[in-house]
Amino acid sequence: MVEDKYAGISIKGRTTVTVLSPTQQTIKYEMVDGKGGYATIVEGKVTKDER
């Protein structure tokens, strides 16, 4: 859990990285909403280029 500042307000968030394989990962960043749950802000998939 990290604490970020947005518009001068401290907001708690968390980052989740899931390794699917040596060349693929998923990434998700969530922030605490007003009800104490988490709202997804950014979600993505990473594929490493095999060179």
N, C-alpha and C. Protein backbone atom coordinates (compact mmCIF):
# COMPACT_ATOMS: atom_id res chain seq x y z
N MET A 1 0.86 -1.17 0.00
CA MET A 1 0.00 0.00 0.00
C MET A 1 0.90 1.23 0.00
N VAL A 2 0.53 2.19 -0.82
CA VAL A 2 1.27 3.44 -0.90
C VAL A 2 0.31 4.59 -0.64
N GLU A 3 0.88 5.72 -0.27
CA GLU A 3 0.06 6.91 -0.06
C GLU A 3 0.51 7.96 -1.07
N ASP A 4 -0.40 8.38 -1.93
CA ASP A 4 -0.12 9.36 -2.97
C ASP A 4 -0.80 10.68 -2.63
N LYS A 5 -0.36 11.73 -3.29
CA LYS A 5 -1.03 13.03 -3.14
C LYS A 5 -1.68 13.38 -4.46
N TYR A 6 -2.96 13.72 -4.40
CA TYR A 6 -3.71 14.14 -5.57
C TYR A 6 -4.46 15.41 -5.20
N ALA A 7 -4.18 16.49 -5.90
CA ALA A 7 -4.80 17.80 -5.63
C ALA A 7 -4.61 18.20 -4.16
N GLY A 8 -3.43 17.87 -3.59
CA GLY A 8 -3.12 18.23 -2.22
C GLY A 8 -3.72 17.34 -1.16
N ILE A 9 -4.42 16.28 -1.57
CA ILE A 9 -5.07 15.36 -0.63
C ILE A 9 -4.33 14.03 -0.64
N SER A 10 -4.05 13.48 0.54
CA SER A 10 -3.40 12.17 0.63
C SER A 10 -4.42 11.07 0.33
N ILE A 11 -4.06 10.19 -0.58
CA ILE A 11 -4.94 9.09 -0.99
C ILE A 11 -4.14 7.80 -0.95
N LYS A 12 -4.73 6.74 -0.39
CA LYS A 12 -4.06 5.45 -0.33
C LYS A 12 -4.37 4.65 -1.59
N GLY A 13 -3.36 3.94 -2.06
CA GLY A 13 -3.54 3.12 -3.26
C GLY A 13 -2.68 1.87 -3.18
N ARG A 14 -2.88 0.98 -4.14
CA ARG A 14 -2.07 -0.22 -4.20
C ARG A 14 -1.85 -0.62 -5.65
N THR A 15 -0.70 -1.24 -5.88
CA THR A 15 -0.33 -1.72 -7.21
C THR A 15 -0.22 -3.23 -7.14
N THR A 16 -0.82 -3.92 -8.12
CA THR A 16 -0.75 -5.37 -8.20
C THR A 16 -0.12 -5.75 -9.53
N VAL A 17 0.96 -6.52 -9.47
CA VAL A 17 1.62 -7.03 -10.67
C VAL A 17 1.51 -8.55 -10.62
N THR A 18 0.93 -9.14 -11.67
CA THR A 18 0.78 -10.58 -11.76
C THR A 18 1.64 -11.09 -12.91
N VAL A 19 2.59 -11.97 -12.60
CA VAL A 19 3.45 -12.54 -13.63
C VAL A 19 2.75 -13.76 -14.22
N LEU A 20 2.39 -13.67 -15.50
CA LEU A 20 1.70 -14.75 -16.18
C LEU A 20 2.68 -15.76 -16.77
N SER A 21 3.81 -15.25 -17.26
CA SER A 21 4.87 -16.07 -17.85
C SER A 21 6.14 -15.24 -17.83
N PRO A 22 7.28 -15.80 -18.23
CA PRO A 22 8.51 -14.99 -18.26
C PRO A 22 8.43 -13.77 -19.18
N THR A 23 7.47 -13.77 -20.11
CA THR A 23 7.36 -12.64 -21.05
C THR A 23 6.07 -11.84 -20.91
N GLN A 24 5.16 -12.21 -19.99
CA GLN A 24 3.90 -11.49 -19.84
C GLN A 24 3.58 -11.18 -18.39
N GLN A 25 3.04 -9.96 -18.18
CA GLN A 25 2.62 -9.52 -16.85
C GLN A 25 1.34 -8.71 -16.99
N THR A 26 0.52 -8.68 -15.95
CA THR A 26 -0.59 -7.74 -15.88
C THR A 26 -0.32 -6.79 -14.72
N ILE A 27 -0.77 -5.54 -14.89
CA ILE A 27 -0.53 -4.51 -13.88
C ILE A 27 -1.86 -3.82 -13.59
N LYS A 28 -2.12 -3.54 -12.31
CA LYS A 28 -3.35 -2.86 -11.91
C LYS A 28 -3.02 -1.90 -10.77
N TYR A 29 -3.49 -0.65 -10.89
CA TYR A 29 -3.33 0.33 -9.82
C TYR A 29 -4.73 0.72 -9.34
N GLU A 30 -4.94 0.63 -8.02
CA GLU A 30 -6.23 0.94 -7.42
C GLU A 30 -6.07 1.97 -6.31
N MET A 31 -7.11 2.79 -6.11
CA MET A 31 -7.13 3.77 -5.03
C MET A 31 -8.34 3.51 -4.16
N VAL A 32 -8.23 3.85 -2.88
CA VAL A 32 -9.33 3.68 -1.93
C VAL A 32 -10.44 4.65 -2.31
N ASP A 33 -11.68 4.13 -2.41
CA ASP A 33 -12.81 5.00 -2.70
C ASP A 33 -13.44 5.49 -1.38
N GLY A 34 -14.47 6.28 -1.47
CA GLY A 34 -15.11 6.85 -0.29
C GLY A 34 -15.76 5.85 0.63
N LYS A 35 -16.03 4.64 0.14
CA LYS A 35 -16.69 3.61 0.94
C LYS A 35 -15.71 2.64 1.59
N GLY A 36 -14.40 2.86 1.40
CA GLY A 36 -13.40 1.98 1.99
C GLY A 36 -12.98 0.84 1.08
N GLY A 37 -13.60 0.72 -0.08
CA GLY A 37 -13.21 -0.29 -1.06
C GLY A 37 -12.16 0.28 -2.00
N TYR A 38 -11.86 -0.43 -3.05
CA TYR A 38 -10.86 0.02 -4.02
C TYR A 38 -11.49 0.24 -5.38
N ALA A 39 -11.07 1.30 -6.05
CA ALA A 39 -11.50 1.61 -7.40
C ALA A 39 -10.30 1.47 -8.33
N THR A 40 -10.46 0.75 -9.43
CA THR A 40 -9.37 0.57 -10.38
C THR A 40 -9.16 1.86 -11.16
N ILE A 41 -7.92 2.33 -11.19
CA ILE A 41 -7.57 3.56 -11.89
C ILE A 41 -6.89 3.23 -13.21
N VAL A 42 -5.93 2.31 -13.17
CA VAL A 42 -5.18 1.91 -14.37
C VAL A 42 -5.05 0.40 -14.39
N GLU A 43 -5.21 -0.18 -15.57
CA GLU A 43 -5.07 -1.62 -15.73
C GLU A 43 -4.37 -1.84 -17.06
N GLY A 44 -3.44 -2.81 -17.11
CA GLY A 44 -2.75 -3.04 -18.37
C GLY A 44 -2.07 -4.39 -18.43
N LYS A 45 -1.61 -4.71 -19.62
CA LYS A 45 -0.91 -5.97 -19.87
C LYS A 45 0.42 -5.64 -20.52
N VAL A 46 1.48 -6.30 -20.08
CA VAL A 46 2.81 -6.07 -20.60
C VAL A 46 3.31 -7.34 -21.27
N THR A 47 3.83 -7.21 -22.47
CA THR A 47 4.44 -8.35 -23.16
C THR A 47 5.87 -7.95 -23.50
N LYS A 48 6.82 -8.71 -23.00
CA LYS A 48 8.23 -8.44 -23.24
C LYS A 48 8.59 -8.87 -24.66
N ASP A 49 9.31 -8.01 -25.33
CA ASP A 49 9.76 -8.29 -26.69
C ASP A 49 10.91 -9.29 -26.64
N GLU A 50 10.77 -10.39 -27.34
CA GLU A 50 11.84 -11.40 -27.37
C GLU A 50 12.82 -11.06 -28.48
N ARG A 51 14.00 -10.63 -28.10
CA ARG A 51 15.02 -10.26 -29.09
C ARG A 51 16.21 -11.16 -28.99
